[in-house]
Amino acid sequence: MGFKIRRKATATWAGSDTAGGGHIALGSGSFEGPYSLKSRVEGVPQVNPEELLGAALAACFTMSVSNKLTDAGYEVGNLETRAEVLMAEDGGRYSITNAHLIISGSMKDIGTEEFERIAQEAKASCPVSRALSGTSVTLAVEALVGS
């Protein structure tokens, strides 16, 4: 095994699971903020683990699409990926059951079918997608402008 990257993050928590709260900080210093059970289940405007996972997946996937398009000789315009992460309860256990990626972009000289083929390859090879191998990760191409 050759190339390795190590990244760090810190999470703290104080109090009970329902009334407590915590703080998340990325090792790079680029983000830090509060989180709580309410941010997870009630939509309180704080970060939550599912949004962080969705952001990581969307970012990794979008970089992978750009890389694959460039390798295929296409000029990459603008790409935007939204991620929707679903957590569901089954028998008293909570699991992240699905992550859905929705990509749109502005590209020259590529048809929607070729773009979708490359996007599917990127989804299969993205390190975060692969880390979520126990979760269904689906993909939709929402719009491709300039094809």
C-alpha atoms as a PDB file:
ATOM      1  CA  MET A   1       0.000   0.000   0.000  1.00  0.00           C
ATOM      2  CA  GLY A   2       1.582   3.277  -1.104  1.00  0.00           C
ATOM      3  CA  PHE A   3      -0.088   6.653  -0.768  1.00  0.00           C
ATOM      4  CA  LYS A   4      -1.869   7.320   2.535  1.00  0.00           C
ATOM      5  CA  ILE A   5      -3.873  10.262   3.838  1.00  0.00           C
ATOM      6  CA  ARG A   6      -4.795  10.685   7.475  1.00  0.00           C
ATOM      7  CA  ARG A   7      -7.465  13.202   8.505  1.00  0.00           C
ATOM      8  CA  LYS A   8      -8.755  13.942  11.986  1.00  0.00           C
ATOM      9  CA  ALA A   9     -11.892  15.290  13.600  1.00  0.00           C
ATOM     10  CA  THR A  10     -12.992  15.724  17.201  1.00  0.00           C
ATOM     11  CA  ALA A  11     -16.410  15.406  18.793  1.00  0.00           C
ATOM     12  CA  THR A  12     -17.249  16.224  22.389  1.00  0.00           C
ATOM     13  CA  TRP A  13     -20.503  15.656  24.279  1.00  0.00           C
ATOM     14  CA  ALA A  14     -21.890  16.747  27.640  1.00  0.00           C
ATOM     15  CA  GLY A  15     -25.149  15.693  29.261  1.00  0.00           C
ATOM     16  CA  SER A  16     -27.717  13.037  28.477  1.00  0.00           C
ATOM     17  CA  ASP A  17     -28.481  11.830  24.998  1.00  0.00           C
ATOM     18  CA  THR A  18     -31.738  13.801  24.767  1.00  0.00           C
ATOM     19  CA  ALA A  19     -30.862  16.972  26.684  1.00  0.00           C
ATOM     20  CA  GLY A  20     -27.134  17.100  26.070  1.00  0.00           C
ATOM     21  CA  GLY A  21     -25.132  18.542  23.283  1.00  0.00           C
ATOM     22  CA  GLY A  22     -21.751  18.521  21.749  1.00  0.00           C
ATOM     23  CA  HIS A  23     -19.243  20.199  19.529  1.00  0.00           C
ATOM     24  CA  ILE A  24     -17.648  18.915  16.319  1.00  0.00           C
ATOM     25  CA  ALA A  25     -14.359  20.244  14.940  1.00  0.00           C
ATOM     26  CA  LEU A  26     -12.508  19.247  11.805  1.00  0.00           C
ATOM     27  CA  GLY A  27      -8.783  18.754  12.220  1.00  0.00           C
ATOM     28  CA  SER A  28      -8.062  21.195   9.383  1.00  0.00           C
ATOM     29  CA  GLY A  29      -9.718  23.995  11.354  1.00  0.00           C
ATOM     30  CA  SER A  30     -12.065  24.722   8.448  1.00  0.00           C
ATOM     31  CA  PHE A  31     -15.237  23.898  10.379  1.00  0.00           C
ATOM     32  CA  GLU A  32     -16.442  23.614  13.938  1.00  0.00           C
ATOM     33  CA  GLY A  33     -19.901  23.784  15.373  1.00  0.00           C
ATOM     34  CA  PRO A  34     -22.487  22.432  17.773  1.00  0.00           C
ATOM     35  CA  TYR A  35     -24.558  19.282  17.375  1.00  0.00           C
ATOM     36  CA  SER A  36     -27.302  17.635  19.396  1.00  0.00           C
ATOM     37  CA  LEU A  37     -30.008  15.030  19.194  1.00  0.00           C
ATOM     38  CA  LYS A  38     -32.405  17.837  18.310  1.00  0.00           C
ATOM     39  CA  SER A  39     -30.272  18.745  15.291  1.00  0.00           C
ATOM     40  CA  ARG A  40     -30.535  15.142  14.206  1.00  0.00           C
ATOM     41  CA  VAL A  41     -34.253  14.487  14.702  1.00  0.00           C
ATOM     42  CA  GLU A  42     -35.983  17.870  14.971  1.00  0.00           C
ATOM     43  CA  GLY A  43     -34.188  19.981  12.403  1.00  0.00           C
ATOM     44  CA  VAL A  44     -32.584  22.366  14.897  1.00  0.00           C
ATOM     45  CA  PRO A  45     -30.053  24.423  12.872  1.00  0.00           C
ATOM     46  CA  GLN A  46     -26.891  22.707  14.048  1.00  0.00           C
ATOM     47  CA  VAL A  47     -24.718  20.196  12.264  1.00  0.00           C
ATOM     48  CA  ASN A  48     -25.565  16.505  12.536  1.00  0.00           C
ATOM     49  CA  PRO A  49     -23.749  13.302  11.583  1.00  0.00           C
ATOM     50  CA  GLU A  50     -26.006  12.561   8.613  1.00  0.00           C
ATOM     51  CA  GLU A  51     -25.376  15.979   7.032  1.00  0.00           C
ATOM     52  CA  LEU A  52     -21.648  15.574   7.559  1.00  0.00           C
ATOM     53  CA  LEU A  53     -21.780  12.170   5.894  1.00  0.00           C
ATOM     54  CA  GLY A  54     -23.814  13.597   3.019  1.00  0.00           C
ATOM     55  CA  ALA A  55     -21.372  16.472   2.588  1.00  0.00           C
ATOM     56  CA  ALA A  56     -18.409  14.089   2.573  1.00  0.00           C
ATOM     57  CA  LEU A  57     -20.087  11.833   0.020  1.00  0.00           C
ATOM     58  CA  ALA A  58     -21.156  14.731  -2.243  1.00  0.00           C
ATOM     59  CA  ALA A  59     -17.691  16.307  -2.145  1.00  0.00           C
ATOM     60  CA  CYS A  60     -15.825  13.060  -2.796  1.00  0.00           C
ATOM     61  CA  PHE A  61     -18.194  12.012  -5.586  1.00  0.00           C
ATOM     62  CA  THR A  62     -18.057  15.419  -7.318  1.00  0.00           C
ATOM     63  CA  MET A  63     -14.242  15.417  -7.261  1.00  0.00           C
ATOM     64  CA  SER A  64     -14.289  11.872  -8.670  1.00  0.00           C
ATOM     65  CA  VAL A  65     -16.665  12.885 -11.494  1.00  0.00           C
ATOM     66  CA  SER A  66     -14.410  15.831 -12.363  1.00  0.00           C
ATOM     67  CA  ASN A  67     -11.352  13.575 -12.369  1.00  0.00           C
ATOM     68  CA  LYS A  68     -12.995  10.977 -14.607  1.00  0.00           C
ATOM     69  CA  LEU A  69     -14.308  13.624 -17.022  1.00  0.00           C
ATOM     70  CA  THR A  70     -10.845  15.193 -17.251  1.00  0.00           C
ATOM     71  CA  ASP A  71      -9.232  11.781 -17.806  1.00  0.00           C
ATOM     72  CA  ALA A  72     -11.748  11.150 -20.618  1.00  0.00           C
ATOM     73  CA  GLY A  73     -10.679  14.408 -22.306  1.00  0.00           C
ATOM     74  CA  TYR A  74     -13.683  16.569 -21.446  1.00  0.00           C
ATOM     75  CA  GLU A  75     -13.466  20.186 -20.349  1.00  0.00           C
ATOM     76  CA  VAL A  76     -15.164  20.310 -16.968  1.00  0.00           C
ATOM     77  CA  GLY A  77     -17.549  23.198 -16.431  1.00  0.00           C
ATOM     78  CA  ASN A  78     -19.507  23.557 -13.212  1.00  0.00           C
ATOM     79  CA  LEU A  79     -20.721  20.528 -11.279  1.00  0.00           C
ATOM     80  CA  GLU A  80     -23.095  20.520  -8.324  1.00  0.00           C
ATOM     81  CA  THR A  81     -24.044  17.489  -6.269  1.00  0.00           C
ATOM     82  CA  ARG A  82     -26.697  17.363  -3.582  1.00  0.00           C
ATOM     83  CA  ALA A  83     -26.772  14.414  -1.202  1.00  0.00           C
ATOM     84  CA  GLU A  84     -29.799  13.134   0.669  1.00  0.00           C
ATOM     85  CA  VAL A  85     -29.022  10.760   3.540  1.00  0.00           C
ATOM     86  CA  LEU A  86     -31.779   8.646   5.071  1.00  0.00           C
ATOM     87  CA  MET A  87     -31.626   7.275   8.591  1.00  0.00           C
ATOM     88  CA  ALA A  88     -34.402   4.890   9.540  1.00  0.00           C
ATOM     89  CA  GLU A  89     -35.425   2.948  12.646  1.00  0.00           C
ATOM     90  CA  ASP A  90     -35.996  -0.781  12.434  1.00  0.00           C
ATOM     91  CA  GLY A  91     -36.630  -2.840  15.546  1.00  0.00           C
ATOM     92  CA  GLY A  92     -35.263  -0.183  17.881  1.00  0.00           C
ATOM     93  CA  ARG A  93     -32.010   0.238  15.945  1.00  0.00           C
ATOM     94  CA  TYR A  94     -31.206   3.240  13.797  1.00  0.00           C
ATOM     95  CA  SER A  95     -29.280   2.815  10.563  1.00  0.00           C
ATOM     96  CA  ILE A  96     -28.267   4.966   7.653  1.00  0.00           C
ATOM     97  CA  THR A  97     -30.092   3.025   4.989  1.00  0.00           C
ATOM     98  CA  ASN A  98     -29.706   5.138   1.871  1.00  0.00           C
ATOM     99  CA  ALA A  99     -27.747   7.983   0.398  1.00  0.00           C
ATOM    100  CA  HIS A 100     -28.960   9.520  -2.841  1.00  0.00           C
ATOM    101  CA  LEU A 101     -26.777  11.756  -4.990  1.00  0.00           C
ATOM    102  CA  ILE A 102     -28.264  14.276  -7.421  1.00  0.00           C
ATOM    103  CA  ILE A 103     -25.743  15.799  -9.806  1.00  0.00           C
ATOM    104  CA  SER A 104     -26.176  18.590 -12.297  1.00  0.00           C
ATOM    105  CA  GLY A 105     -23.638  20.431 -14.319  1.00  0.00           C
ATOM    106  CA  SER A 106     -22.559  22.580 -17.190  1.00  0.00           C
ATOM    107  CA  MET A 107     -20.423  20.710 -19.709  1.00  0.00           C
ATOM    108  CA  LYS A 108     -19.440  21.084 -23.361  1.00  0.00           C
ATOM    109  CA  ASP A 109     -19.359  18.322 -25.944  1.00  0.00           C
ATOM    110  CA  ILE A 110     -20.752  15.499 -23.812  1.00  0.00           C
ATOM    111  CA  GLY A 111     -24.149  13.872 -24.027  1.00  0.00           C
ATOM    112  CA  THR A 112     -26.292  13.051 -21.038  1.00  0.00           C
ATOM    113  CA  GLU A 113     -25.809   9.293 -21.535  1.00  0.00           C
ATOM    114  CA  GLU A 114     -21.996   9.560 -21.528  1.00  0.00           C
ATOM    115  CA  PHE A 115     -22.079  11.938 -18.565  1.00  0.00           C
ATOM    116  CA  GLU A 116     -24.288   9.520 -16.628  1.00  0.00           C
ATOM    117  CA  ARG A 117     -21.983   6.591 -17.478  1.00  0.00           C
ATOM    118  CA  ILE A 118     -18.968   8.511 -16.156  1.00  0.00           C
ATOM    119  CA  ALA A 119     -20.926   9.629 -13.062  1.00  0.00           C
ATOM    120  CA  GLN A 120     -21.857   5.996 -12.307  1.00  0.00           C
ATOM    121  CA  GLU A 121     -18.173   5.017 -12.602  1.00  0.00           C
ATOM    122  CA  ALA A 122     -17.267   7.856 -10.232  1.00  0.00           C
ATOM    123  CA  LYS A 123     -19.902   6.719  -7.715  1.00  0.00           C
ATOM    124  CA  ALA A 124     -18.484   3.196  -7.785  1.00  0.00           C
ATOM    125  CA  SER A 125     -14.875   4.356  -7.316  1.00  0.00           C
ATOM    126  CA  CYS A 126     -15.293   7.286  -4.901  1.00  0.00           C
ATOM    127  CA  PRO A 127     -13.582   6.359  -1.595  1.00  0.00           C
ATOM    128  CA  VAL A 128     -16.510   7.622   0.508  1.00  0.00           C
ATOM    129  CA  SER A 129     -19.028   5.648  -1.598  1.00  0.00           C
ATOM    130  CA  ARG A 130     -16.896   2.556  -1.120  1.00  0.00           C
ATOM    131  CA  ALA A 131     -16.723   3.205   2.644  1.00  0.00           C
ATOM    132  CA  LEU A 132     -20.534   3.159   2.638  1.00  0.00           C
ATOM    133  CA  SER A 133     -20.698  -0.271   1.020  1.00  0.00           C
ATOM    134  CA  GLY A 134     -23.336  -1.416   3.531  1.00  0.00           C
ATOM    135  CA  THR A 135     -25.606   1.454   2.487  1.00  0.00           C
ATOM    136  CA  SER A 136     -27.526   1.814  -0.745  1.00  0.00           C
ATOM    137  CA  VAL A 137     -26.006   4.759  -2.644  1.00  0.00           C
ATOM    138  CA  THR A 138     -28.097   5.826  -5.651  1.00  0.00           C
ATOM    139  CA  LEU A 139     -27.527   8.481  -8.296  1.00  0.00           C
ATOM    140  CA  ALA A 140     -29.602  10.727 -10.544  1.00  0.00           C
ATOM    141  CA  VAL A 141     -28.444  13.177 -13.187  1.00  0.00           C
ATOM    142  CA  GLU A 142     -30.752  16.132 -12.712  1.00  0.00           C
ATOM    143  CA  ALA A 143     -29.621  18.442 -15.474  1.00  0.00           C
ATOM    144  CA  LEU A 144     -26.786  18.680 -17.903  1.00  0.00           C
ATOM    145  CA  VAL A 145     -26.570  22.099 -19.533  1.00  0.00           C
ATOM    146  CA  GLY A 146     -24.639  22.554 -22.744  1.00  0.00           C
ATOM    147  CA  SER A 147     -24.802  18.983 -24.033  1.00  0.00           C
END
